[in-house]
Every structure is written in structure tokens, then in C-alpha cells.
């Protein structure tokens, strides 16, 4: 760990500083590489995260209210509604045609974003590429390291979601998942 500038041994007292030393390299190096793998060299990062949100939080992994996309991306990337609309339009139009933008069944003012058949295929490929990317990392880790890392990331996410208001959460993308 010393080769990456961490204090050793890691203690409760030096953990915050060590975490900060790791955060940006992890967030940007690992996160951006994962986003690149997911994008399939076709999408930009905002389009990639839109498809990720539809898959991970959408009804049946294929349909999501536009307002949920706007809320999540707005928090993560500080994008406004016009920029999100632009990303959605690009995903809906040829040559991509990965999503359809429909009126909500509950309100004519609300929109629902739905994967097209091409979108479902693309997201399937996207998830396969993401799994392959992570598999290349996991092959270099022990079972104990995998378990400890997953436990740590899940627990940190739970704490941030529970203890920090959305408006007080630091901005930044979902790059690490």
C-alpha cells in the first residue's frame, strides 16, 4: 500500500486520510474505465448512465419515469433539464434508437423512457462488457479481498444514503457503480 502513498498500517485514525488518497484515483481511473467499457465506444457518459438507470432502477429493467432520470443525473452530474433532454433525444433518434419517449400513463405532462428492442440488446451487451471488465479485475483478487471490498462499498453506500441529505451529498458521477 505504500507504493500508492497510503499510511501503513491502516488505522481508524488514519483511515479518513487514506480513503481520500484513494478516492479520486479510484473514482476516475476505475470509474471512467468502467464507464468506457459500458459505453461500447458508442455513447457518451450521460447516455451510458441513462441506460444504466433504466436497467438498474426501471420497471422490468426497461422503463423508467423521466423525472427519476432527471433527479439522479441532476444529482450526480449537475446537469439541467435541457442537457438531459438532449441526451435523451440522441438516444431516441437514429442511428441509436435505443429508447422511446412516451407519455406517462398517469399524467400527460410526465414522460416515460422505455428501451426499444435495440436498446434491450444494447443494454444486454453493455452489462456483458461491464461484467467482463470487472471479471478481469476480480481474477487478481482473493475471495477474501472480493468479499471485503464488496462489503465495504455496500456499507459506505448505505451510510451515505442514510446519513446525508441529497442536497448535501458531494457531486460526482456514479462511476463506480
N, C-alpha and C. Protein backbone atom coordinates (compact mmCIF):
# COMPACT_ATOMS: atom_id res chain seq x y z
N UNK A 1 0.82 -1.20 0.00
CA UNK A 1 0.00 0.00 0.00
C UNK A 1 0.86 1.26 0.00
N UNK A 2 2.07 1.13 0.47
CA UNK A 2 2.96 2.29 0.49
C UNK A 2 3.25 2.78 -0.92
N UNK A 3 3.26 1.87 -1.89
CA UNK A 3 3.55 2.28 -3.27
C UNK A 3 2.49 3.23 -3.84
N UNK A 4 1.31 3.26 -3.25
CA UNK A 4 0.30 4.22 -3.71
C UNK A 4 0.10 5.36 -2.72
N UNK A 5 1.03 5.47 -1.77
CA UNK A 5 1.05 6.62 -0.87
C UNK A 5 0.18 6.51 0.36
N UNK A 6 -0.25 5.31 0.72
CA UNK A 6 -1.08 5.16 1.91
C UNK A 6 -0.21 5.02 3.14
N UNK A 7 -0.72 5.54 4.26
CA UNK A 7 -0.05 5.35 5.54
C UNK A 7 -0.24 3.90 5.96
N UNK A 8 0.78 3.32 6.55
CA UNK A 8 0.69 1.94 6.95
C UNK A 8 1.22 1.81 8.37
N UNK A 9 0.61 1.06 9.21
CA UNK A 9 -0.60 0.29 8.96
C UNK A 9 -1.82 1.21 8.92
N UNK A 10 -2.87 0.73 8.28
CA UNK A 10 -4.12 1.49 8.23
C UNK A 10 -4.78 1.36 9.60
N UNK A 11 -5.13 2.51 10.17
CA UNK A 11 -5.79 2.54 11.47
C UNK A 11 -7.07 3.37 11.34
N UNK A 12 -7.88 3.31 12.36
CA UNK A 12 -9.10 4.12 12.39
C UNK A 12 -8.74 5.61 12.30
N UNK A 13 -7.63 6.00 12.93
CA UNK A 13 -7.22 7.41 12.93
C UNK A 13 -6.74 7.88 11.56
N UNK A 14 -6.01 7.03 10.81
CA UNK A 14 -5.51 7.49 9.51
C UNK A 14 -6.39 7.04 8.34
N UNK A 15 -7.46 6.31 8.63
CA UNK A 15 -8.34 5.82 7.56
C UNK A 15 -8.96 6.95 6.73
N UNK A 16 -9.46 8.05 7.35
CA UNK A 16 -10.03 9.11 6.51
C UNK A 16 -9.04 9.68 5.50
N UNK A 17 -7.83 9.96 5.93
CA UNK A 17 -6.82 10.49 5.01
C UNK A 17 -6.45 9.49 3.92
N UNK A 18 -6.33 8.22 4.30
CA UNK A 18 -6.02 7.18 3.32
C UNK A 18 -7.17 7.00 2.33
N UNK A 19 -8.40 7.06 2.84
CA UNK A 19 -9.57 6.96 1.95
C UNK A 19 -9.53 8.09 0.92
N UNK A 20 -9.23 9.31 1.38
CA UNK A 20 -9.15 10.44 0.45
C UNK A 20 -8.05 10.25 -0.58
N UNK A 21 -6.92 9.68 -0.17
CA UNK A 21 -5.84 9.44 -1.13
C UNK A 21 -6.27 8.46 -2.22
N UNK A 22 -7.13 7.53 -1.87
CA UNK A 22 -7.59 6.53 -2.84
C UNK A 22 -8.79 6.99 -3.65
N UNK A 23 -9.60 7.91 -3.10
CA UNK A 23 -10.89 8.19 -3.71
C UNK A 23 -10.81 8.66 -5.15
N UNK A 24 -10.10 9.74 -5.42
CA UNK A 24 -10.10 10.27 -6.78
C UNK A 24 -9.43 9.34 -7.78
N UNK A 25 -8.30 8.73 -7.44
CA UNK A 25 -7.76 7.76 -8.39
C UNK A 25 -8.75 6.62 -8.67
N UNK A 26 -9.43 6.13 -7.62
CA UNK A 26 -10.40 5.06 -7.82
C UNK A 26 -11.59 5.55 -8.63
N UNK A 27 -12.14 6.67 -8.20
CA UNK A 27 -13.33 7.22 -8.85
C UNK A 27 -13.08 7.48 -10.33
N UNK A 28 -11.98 8.11 -10.64
CA UNK A 28 -11.72 8.48 -12.03
C UNK A 28 -11.05 7.37 -12.82
N UNK A 29 -10.03 6.73 -12.30
CA UNK A 29 -9.36 5.68 -13.07
C UNK A 29 -10.26 4.47 -13.27
N UNK A 30 -10.76 3.93 -12.18
CA UNK A 30 -11.60 2.74 -12.27
C UNK A 30 -12.97 3.11 -12.83
N UNK A 31 -13.57 4.15 -12.29
CA UNK A 31 -14.91 4.53 -12.72
C UNK A 31 -14.99 4.91 -14.18
N UNK A 32 -14.04 5.71 -14.63
CA UNK A 32 -14.06 6.13 -16.04
C UNK A 32 -13.76 4.95 -16.96
N UNK A 33 -12.88 4.06 -16.55
CA UNK A 33 -12.60 2.88 -17.37
C UNK A 33 -13.84 1.99 -17.46
N UNK A 34 -14.57 1.84 -16.36
CA UNK A 34 -15.80 1.06 -16.38
C UNK A 34 -16.85 1.74 -17.27
N UNK A 35 -17.01 3.05 -17.14
CA UNK A 35 -17.97 3.77 -17.99
C UNK A 35 -17.60 3.59 -19.47
N UNK A 36 -16.31 3.64 -19.78
CA UNK A 36 -15.88 3.45 -21.16
C UNK A 36 -16.24 2.06 -21.66
N UNK A 37 -16.03 1.05 -20.83
CA UNK A 37 -16.39 -0.32 -21.21
C UNK A 37 -17.90 -0.43 -21.42
N UNK A 38 -18.69 0.18 -20.53
CA UNK A 38 -20.15 0.12 -20.65
C UNK A 38 -20.66 0.85 -21.88
N UNK A 39 -19.99 1.93 -22.26
CA UNK A 39 -20.48 2.77 -23.37
C UNK A 39 -20.32 2.10 -24.72
N UNK A 40 -19.48 1.06 -24.77
CA UNK A 40 -19.26 0.33 -26.02
C UNK A 40 -18.69 1.24 -27.11
N UNK A 41 -18.00 2.31 -26.70
CA UNK A 41 -17.42 3.30 -27.62
C UNK A 41 -18.45 3.93 -28.54
N UNK A 42 -19.71 3.91 -28.11
CA UNK A 42 -20.80 4.46 -28.91
C UNK A 42 -21.48 5.63 -28.20
N UNK A 43 -21.59 5.54 -26.88
CA UNK A 43 -22.34 6.52 -26.10
C UNK A 43 -21.41 7.45 -25.33
N UNK A 44 -21.93 8.63 -24.98
CA UNK A 44 -21.19 9.48 -24.05
C UNK A 44 -21.55 9.03 -22.63
N UNK A 45 -20.90 9.61 -21.65
CA UNK A 45 -21.11 9.14 -20.28
C UNK A 45 -22.52 9.40 -19.76
N UNK A 46 -23.17 10.47 -20.20
CA UNK A 46 -24.53 10.74 -19.75
C UNK A 46 -25.51 9.74 -20.37
N UNK A 47 -25.32 9.42 -21.62
CA UNK A 47 -26.17 8.43 -22.27
C UNK A 47 -25.97 7.06 -21.62
N UNK A 48 -24.72 6.75 -21.29
CA UNK A 48 -24.41 5.47 -20.65
C UNK A 48 -25.13 5.36 -19.31
N UNK A 49 -25.08 6.41 -18.51
CA UNK A 49 -25.72 6.35 -17.21
C UNK A 49 -27.25 6.32 -17.34
N UNK A 50 -27.80 6.94 -18.35
CA UNK A 50 -29.25 6.86 -18.58
C UNK A 50 -29.65 5.40 -18.81
N UNK A 51 -28.92 4.72 -19.68
CA UNK A 51 -29.24 3.31 -19.93
C UNK A 51 -29.02 2.47 -18.67
N UNK A 52 -27.97 2.80 -17.91
CA UNK A 52 -27.73 2.09 -16.65
C UNK A 52 -28.91 2.29 -15.70
N UNK A 53 -29.40 3.51 -15.58
CA UNK A 53 -30.54 3.78 -14.70
C UNK A 53 -31.78 3.03 -15.14
N UNK A 54 -32.05 3.02 -16.44
CA UNK A 54 -33.22 2.28 -16.93
C UNK A 54 -33.09 0.81 -16.55
N UNK A 55 -31.91 0.26 -16.77
CA UNK A 55 -31.68 -1.16 -16.47
C UNK A 55 -31.74 -1.44 -14.97
N UNK A 56 -31.10 -0.61 -14.16
CA UNK A 56 -30.96 -0.92 -12.73
C UNK A 56 -32.14 -0.46 -11.89
N UNK A 57 -32.86 0.59 -12.30
CA UNK A 57 -33.94 1.12 -11.47
C UNK A 57 -35.29 1.13 -12.16
N UNK A 58 -35.30 0.75 -13.42
CA UNK A 58 -36.54 0.79 -14.18
C UNK A 58 -37.44 -0.40 -13.93
N UNK A 59 -38.72 -0.20 -14.19
CA UNK A 59 -39.70 -1.27 -14.10
C UNK A 59 -39.37 -2.32 -15.16
N UNK A 60 -39.21 -3.56 -14.73
CA UNK A 60 -38.87 -4.62 -15.66
C UNK A 60 -37.53 -4.41 -16.34
N UNK A 61 -36.67 -3.61 -15.75
CA UNK A 61 -35.36 -3.26 -16.32
C UNK A 61 -35.47 -2.63 -17.69
N UNK A 62 -36.63 -2.02 -18.00
CA UNK A 62 -36.77 -1.48 -19.35
C UNK A 62 -37.57 -0.19 -19.45
N UNK A 63 -38.10 0.32 -18.34
CA UNK A 63 -38.94 1.52 -18.41
C UNK A 63 -38.79 2.31 -17.12
N UNK A 64 -38.68 3.64 -17.25
CA UNK A 64 -38.45 4.47 -16.07
C UNK A 64 -39.07 5.85 -16.28
N UNK A 65 -39.59 6.45 -15.24
CA UNK A 65 -40.08 7.83 -15.39
C UNK A 65 -38.93 8.79 -15.69
N UNK A 66 -39.15 9.71 -16.60
CA UNK A 66 -38.12 10.68 -16.95
C UNK A 66 -37.66 11.46 -15.73
N UNK A 67 -38.61 11.79 -14.83
CA UNK A 67 -38.25 12.60 -13.66
C UNK A 67 -37.26 11.87 -12.76
N UNK A 68 -37.27 10.53 -12.73
CA UNK A 68 -36.28 9.80 -11.94
C UNK A 68 -34.90 9.93 -12.58
N UNK A 69 -34.84 9.83 -13.90
CA UNK A 69 -33.57 10.04 -14.60
C UNK A 69 -33.05 11.44 -14.31
N UNK A 70 -33.93 12.42 -14.42
CA UNK A 70 -33.52 13.81 -14.20
C UNK A 70 -33.01 14.02 -12.78
N UNK A 71 -33.68 13.42 -11.81
CA UNK A 71 -33.26 13.60 -10.41
C UNK A 71 -31.89 12.95 -10.18
N UNK A 72 -31.70 11.72 -10.64
CA UNK A 72 -30.43 11.04 -10.42
C UNK A 72 -29.28 11.72 -11.16
N UNK A 73 -29.46 11.98 -12.44
CA UNK A 73 -28.38 12.59 -13.21
C UNK A 73 -28.13 14.02 -12.75
N UNK A 74 -29.19 14.70 -12.36
CA UNK A 74 -29.02 16.05 -11.82
C UNK A 74 -28.15 16.07 -10.59
N UNK A 75 -28.33 15.07 -9.71
CA UNK A 75 -27.51 14.98 -8.51
C UNK A 75 -26.08 14.57 -8.84
N UNK A 76 -25.93 13.59 -9.71
CA UNK A 76 -24.60 13.03 -9.99
C UNK A 76 -23.74 13.95 -10.85
N UNK A 77 -24.33 14.55 -11.86
CA UNK A 77 -23.55 15.31 -12.84
C UNK A 77 -23.87 16.79 -12.86
N UNK A 78 -24.82 17.23 -12.04
CA UNK A 78 -25.25 18.63 -12.03
C UNK A 78 -25.68 19.08 -13.42
N UNK A 79 -26.42 18.21 -14.09
CA UNK A 79 -26.97 18.55 -15.40
C UNK A 79 -28.38 19.07 -15.23
N UNK A 80 -28.74 20.04 -16.03
CA UNK A 80 -30.09 20.57 -16.01
C UNK A 80 -30.98 19.83 -16.99
N UNK A 81 -32.24 20.15 -16.93
CA UNK A 81 -33.24 19.51 -17.77
C UNK A 81 -32.93 19.61 -19.27
N UNK A 82 -32.47 20.77 -19.78
CA UNK A 82 -32.17 20.84 -21.22
C UNK A 82 -31.08 19.87 -21.66
N UNK A 83 -30.03 19.73 -20.86
CA UNK A 83 -28.94 18.80 -21.22
C UNK A 83 -29.42 17.35 -21.16
N UNK A 84 -30.27 17.05 -20.20
CA UNK A 84 -30.82 15.69 -20.10
C UNK A 84 -31.74 15.42 -21.28
N UNK A 85 -32.55 16.40 -21.65
CA UNK A 85 -33.43 16.25 -22.82
C UNK A 85 -32.62 15.99 -24.08
N UNK A 86 -31.51 16.68 -24.22
CA UNK A 86 -30.64 16.50 -25.38
C UNK A 86 -30.08 15.07 -25.42
N UNK A 87 -29.62 14.58 -24.28
CA UNK A 87 -29.09 13.21 -24.21
C UNK A 87 -30.18 12.19 -24.53
N UNK A 88 -31.38 12.42 -24.01
CA UNK A 88 -32.49 11.51 -24.29
C UNK A 88 -32.86 11.52 -25.77
N UNK A 89 -32.91 12.70 -26.37
CA UNK A 89 -33.24 12.79 -27.81
C UNK A 89 -32.22 12.04 -28.66
N UNK A 90 -30.94 12.17 -28.32
CA UNK A 90 -29.90 11.46 -29.07
C UNK A 90 -30.07 9.94 -28.94
N UNK A 91 -30.45 9.49 -27.75
CA UNK A 91 -30.67 8.06 -27.55
C UNK A 91 -31.91 7.56 -28.30
N UNK A 92 -32.89 8.46 -28.51
CA UNK A 92 -34.15 8.07 -29.14
C UNK A 92 -34.07 8.09 -30.67
N UNK A 93 -33.23 8.94 -31.22
CA UNK A 93 -33.17 9.11 -32.68
C UNK A 93 -32.18 8.14 -33.32
N UNK A 94 -32.41 7.85 -34.60
CA UNK A 94 -31.40 7.09 -35.34
C UNK A 94 -30.11 7.91 -35.39
N UNK A 95 -28.99 7.30 -35.41
CA UNK A 95 -28.78 5.88 -35.64
C UNK A 95 -28.91 5.03 -34.37
N UNK A 96 -28.99 5.63 -33.18
CA UNK A 96 -29.05 4.83 -31.96
C UNK A 96 -30.42 4.17 -31.79
N UNK A 97 -31.46 4.97 -31.67
CA UNK A 97 -32.84 4.48 -31.47
C UNK A 97 -32.90 3.43 -30.36
N UNK A 98 -32.26 3.72 -29.22
CA UNK A 98 -32.20 2.77 -28.11
C UNK A 98 -33.34 2.94 -27.12
N UNK A 99 -33.98 4.11 -27.15
CA UNK A 99 -35.10 4.38 -26.23
C UNK A 99 -36.26 4.98 -27.00
N UNK A 100 -37.43 4.90 -26.37
CA UNK A 100 -38.61 5.62 -26.83
C UNK A 100 -39.05 6.52 -25.68
N UNK A 101 -39.54 7.69 -26.03
CA UNK A 101 -40.03 8.64 -25.03
C UNK A 101 -41.54 8.71 -25.19
N UNK A 102 -42.26 8.21 -24.20
CA UNK A 102 -43.71 8.10 -24.26
C UNK A 102 -44.35 8.99 -23.20
N UNK A 103 -45.62 9.31 -23.41
CA UNK A 103 -46.38 9.99 -22.36
C UNK A 103 -46.63 8.98 -21.25
N UNK A 104 -46.59 9.46 -20.03
CA UNK A 104 -46.87 8.61 -18.89
C UNK A 104 -48.33 8.20 -18.88
N UNK A 105 -48.60 7.00 -18.41
CA UNK A 105 -49.99 6.53 -18.29
C UNK A 105 -50.72 7.30 -17.20
N UNK A 106 -49.96 7.88 -16.25
CA UNK A 106 -50.56 8.59 -15.12
C UNK A 106 -50.75 10.07 -15.34
N UNK A 107 -49.99 10.67 -16.27
CA UNK A 107 -50.05 12.12 -16.46
C UNK A 107 -49.56 12.47 -17.87
N UNK A 108 -50.33 13.29 -18.57
CA UNK A 108 -49.93 13.73 -19.89
C UNK A 108 -48.71 14.64 -19.87
N UNK A 109 -48.43 15.22 -18.71
CA UNK A 109 -47.26 16.11 -18.58
C UNK A 109 -45.98 15.33 -18.32
N UNK A 110 -46.11 14.14 -17.79
CA UNK A 110 -44.94 13.33 -17.46
C UNK A 110 -44.57 12.44 -18.64
N UNK A 111 -43.29 12.09 -18.71
CA UNK A 111 -42.79 11.21 -19.76
C UNK A 111 -42.24 9.93 -19.14
N UNK A 112 -42.34 8.87 -19.90
CA UNK A 112 -41.75 7.59 -19.53
C UNK A 112 -40.70 7.26 -20.58
N UNK A 113 -39.56 6.82 -20.13
CA UNK A 113 -38.47 6.45 -21.02
C UNK A 113 -38.43 4.92 -21.04
N UNK A 114 -38.48 4.36 -22.26
CA UNK A 114 -38.57 2.92 -22.43
C UNK A 114 -37.51 2.45 -23.41
N UNK A 115 -36.88 1.33 -23.09
CA UNK A 115 -35.93 0.74 -24.01
C UNK A 115 -36.66 0.16 -25.22
N UNK A 116 -36.12 0.39 -26.39
CA UNK A 116 -36.61 -0.27 -27.60
C UNK A 116 -35.99 -1.67 -27.64
N UNK A 117 -36.36 -2.47 -28.62
CA UNK A 117 -35.73 -3.79 -28.77
C UNK A 117 -34.23 -3.63 -28.95
N UNK A 118 -33.84 -2.64 -29.78
CA UNK A 118 -32.41 -2.37 -29.97
C UNK A 118 -31.77 -1.94 -28.65
N UNK A 119 -32.50 -1.17 -27.86
CA UNK A 119 -32.00 -0.74 -26.56
C UNK A 119 -31.80 -1.90 -25.61
N UNK A 120 -32.74 -2.84 -25.61
CA UNK A 120 -32.60 -4.03 -24.75
C UNK A 120 -31.35 -4.82 -25.15
N UNK A 121 -31.15 -4.99 -26.45
CA UNK A 121 -29.96 -5.72 -26.92
C UNK A 121 -28.69 -4.97 -26.52
N UNK A 122 -28.70 -3.64 -26.71
CA UNK A 122 -27.52 -2.83 -26.37
C UNK A 122 -27.23 -2.93 -24.88
N UNK A 123 -28.25 -2.82 -24.05
CA UNK A 123 -28.04 -2.89 -22.60
C UNK A 123 -27.54 -4.28 -22.21
N UNK A 124 -28.04 -5.32 -22.86
CA UNK A 124 -27.51 -6.66 -22.61
C UNK A 124 -26.03 -6.74 -22.91
N UNK A 125 -25.63 -6.17 -24.05
CA UNK A 125 -24.20 -6.13 -24.42
C UNK A 125 -23.42 -5.27 -23.42
N UNK A 126 -24.03 -4.16 -23.01
CA UNK A 126 -23.41 -3.25 -22.06
C UNK A 126 -23.12 -3.97 -20.74
N UNK A 127 -24.09 -4.72 -20.24
CA UNK A 127 -23.91 -5.45 -18.98
C UNK A 127 -22.86 -6.55 -19.14
N UNK A 128 -22.85 -7.23 -20.30
CA UNK A 128 -21.84 -8.26 -20.54
C UNK A 128 -20.44 -7.65 -20.55
N UNK A 129 -20.29 -6.49 -21.17
CA UNK A 129 -18.99 -5.82 -21.21
C UNK A 129 -18.58 -5.35 -19.80
N UNK A 130 -19.55 -4.86 -19.03
CA UNK A 130 -19.26 -4.45 -17.65
C UNK A 130 -18.83 -5.64 -16.80
N UNK A 131 -19.53 -6.77 -16.95
CA UNK A 131 -19.15 -7.97 -16.21
C UNK A 131 -17.77 -8.45 -16.62
N UNK A 132 -17.47 -8.41 -17.91
CA UNK A 132 -16.14 -8.84 -18.38
C UNK A 132 -15.05 -7.92 -17.83
N UNK A 133 -15.33 -6.62 -17.79
CA UNK A 133 -14.37 -5.66 -17.24
C UNK A 133 -14.08 -5.99 -15.77
N UNK A 134 -15.14 -6.18 -14.98
CA UNK A 134 -14.98 -6.47 -13.56
C UNK A 134 -14.31 -7.83 -13.37
N UNK A 135 -14.64 -8.81 -14.22
CA UNK A 135 -14.03 -10.14 -14.11
C UNK A 135 -12.51 -10.06 -14.27
N UNK A 136 -12.04 -9.18 -15.15
CA UNK A 136 -10.60 -9.01 -15.34
C UNK A 136 -9.93 -8.47 -14.08
N UNK A 137 -10.65 -7.68 -13.32
CA UNK A 137 -10.13 -7.16 -12.04
C UNK A 137 -10.18 -8.26 -10.99
N UNK A 138 -11.33 -8.92 -10.88
CA UNK A 138 -11.56 -9.93 -9.84
C UNK A 138 -10.57 -11.08 -9.94
N UNK A 139 -10.12 -11.40 -11.14
CA UNK A 139 -9.19 -12.53 -11.26
C UNK A 139 -7.86 -12.28 -10.54
N UNK A 140 -7.59 -11.03 -10.18
CA UNK A 140 -6.37 -10.68 -9.47
C UNK A 140 -6.59 -10.55 -7.95
N UNK A 141 -7.79 -10.86 -7.48
CA UNK A 141 -8.13 -10.70 -6.07
C UNK A 141 -8.45 -12.05 -5.43
N UNK A 142 -8.18 -12.14 -4.14
CA UNK A 142 -8.58 -13.34 -3.40
C UNK A 142 -10.07 -13.25 -3.07
N UNK A 143 -10.66 -14.39 -2.71
CA UNK A 143 -12.06 -14.39 -2.30
C UNK A 143 -12.28 -13.45 -1.11
N UNK A 144 -11.33 -13.44 -0.18
CA UNK A 144 -11.45 -12.56 1.00
C UNK A 144 -11.41 -11.09 0.58
N UNK A 145 -10.54 -10.74 -0.37
CA UNK A 145 -10.48 -9.35 -0.85
C UNK A 145 -11.77 -8.96 -1.56
N UNK A 146 -12.31 -9.86 -2.36
CA UNK A 146 -13.58 -9.60 -3.06
C UNK A 146 -14.68 -9.35 -2.04
N UNK A 147 -14.80 -10.24 -1.07
CA UNK A 147 -15.84 -10.11 -0.05
C UNK A 147 -15.68 -8.82 0.75
N UNK A 148 -14.45 -8.55 1.20
CA UNK A 148 -14.21 -7.34 2.00
C UNK A 148 -14.49 -6.08 1.18
N UNK A 149 -14.08 -6.06 -0.07
CA UNK A 149 -14.31 -4.90 -0.92
C UNK A 149 -15.78 -4.64 -1.17
N UNK A 150 -16.52 -5.71 -1.47
CA UNK A 150 -17.97 -5.56 -1.71
C UNK A 150 -18.68 -5.11 -0.44
N UNK A 151 -18.31 -5.71 0.68
CA UNK A 151 -18.90 -5.34 1.96
C UNK A 151 -18.63 -3.87 2.27
N UNK A 152 -17.39 -3.43 2.05
CA UNK A 152 -17.02 -2.04 2.31
C UNK A 152 -17.81 -1.09 1.41
N UNK A 153 -17.83 -1.36 0.10
CA UNK A 153 -18.54 -0.44 -0.81
C UNK A 153 -20.04 -0.39 -0.51
N UNK A 154 -20.64 -1.55 -0.20
CA UNK A 154 -22.07 -1.57 0.12
C UNK A 154 -22.34 -0.79 1.40
N UNK A 155 -21.52 -0.99 2.39
CA UNK A 155 -21.73 -0.31 3.67
C UNK A 155 -21.54 1.20 3.55
N UNK A 156 -20.51 1.63 2.83
CA UNK A 156 -20.31 3.08 2.62
C UNK A 156 -21.52 3.67 1.89
N UNK A 157 -22.02 2.98 0.87
CA UNK A 157 -23.21 3.47 0.15
C UNK A 157 -24.41 3.59 1.08
N UNK A 158 -24.62 2.59 1.94
CA UNK A 158 -25.73 2.64 2.89
C UNK A 158 -25.60 3.84 3.82
N UNK A 159 -24.40 4.08 4.33
CA UNK A 159 -24.18 5.19 5.27
C UNK A 159 -24.43 6.52 4.58
N UNK A 160 -23.89 6.70 3.38
CA UNK A 160 -24.09 7.96 2.66
C UNK A 160 -25.58 8.15 2.35
N UNK A 161 -26.25 7.10 1.87
CA UNK A 161 -27.68 7.22 1.56
C UNK A 161 -28.51 7.52 2.81
N UNK A 162 -28.14 6.95 3.93
CA UNK A 162 -28.90 7.15 5.16
C UNK A 162 -28.60 8.48 5.85
N UNK A 163 -27.32 8.88 5.88
CA UNK A 163 -26.91 9.98 6.74
C UNK A 163 -26.71 11.33 6.05
N UNK A 164 -26.75 11.35 4.74
CA UNK A 164 -26.51 12.60 4.03
C UNK A 164 -27.71 12.94 3.16
N UNK A 165 -28.22 14.15 3.33
CA UNK A 165 -29.32 14.61 2.50
C UNK A 165 -28.84 14.73 1.06
N UNK A 166 -29.72 14.48 0.07
CA UNK A 166 -29.28 14.59 -1.33
C UNK A 166 -28.63 15.92 -1.65
N UNK A 167 -29.14 17.00 -1.09
CA UNK A 167 -28.57 18.32 -1.40
C UNK A 167 -27.22 18.53 -0.74
N UNK A 168 -26.90 17.72 0.32
CA UNK A 168 -25.61 17.88 0.97
C UNK A 168 -24.59 16.85 0.51
N UNK A 169 -25.03 15.90 -0.34
CA UNK A 169 -24.08 14.93 -0.87
C UNK A 169 -23.17 15.63 -1.85
N UNK A 170 -21.90 15.31 -1.78
CA UNK A 170 -20.99 15.88 -2.78
C UNK A 170 -21.39 15.42 -4.16
N UNK A 171 -21.17 16.26 -5.16
CA UNK A 171 -21.49 15.90 -6.53
C UNK A 171 -20.45 14.93 -7.05
N UNK A 172 -20.84 14.23 -8.06
CA UNK A 172 -19.94 13.28 -8.71
C UNK A 172 -20.75 12.18 -9.33
N UNK A 173 -20.23 11.59 -10.34
CA UNK A 173 -20.97 10.59 -11.09
C UNK A 173 -21.02 9.24 -10.38
N UNK A 174 -21.79 8.33 -10.97
CA UNK A 174 -21.92 7.00 -10.43
C UNK A 174 -20.86 6.07 -10.93
N UNK A 175 -19.75 6.67 -11.22
CA UNK A 175 -18.73 5.96 -11.98
C UNK A 175 -18.37 4.61 -11.44
N UNK A 176 -18.45 4.42 -10.13
CA UNK A 176 -18.06 3.13 -9.60
C UNK A 176 -19.27 2.29 -9.29
N UNK A 177 -20.39 2.64 -9.83
CA UNK A 177 -21.49 1.76 -9.71
C UNK A 177 -22.49 2.13 -8.81
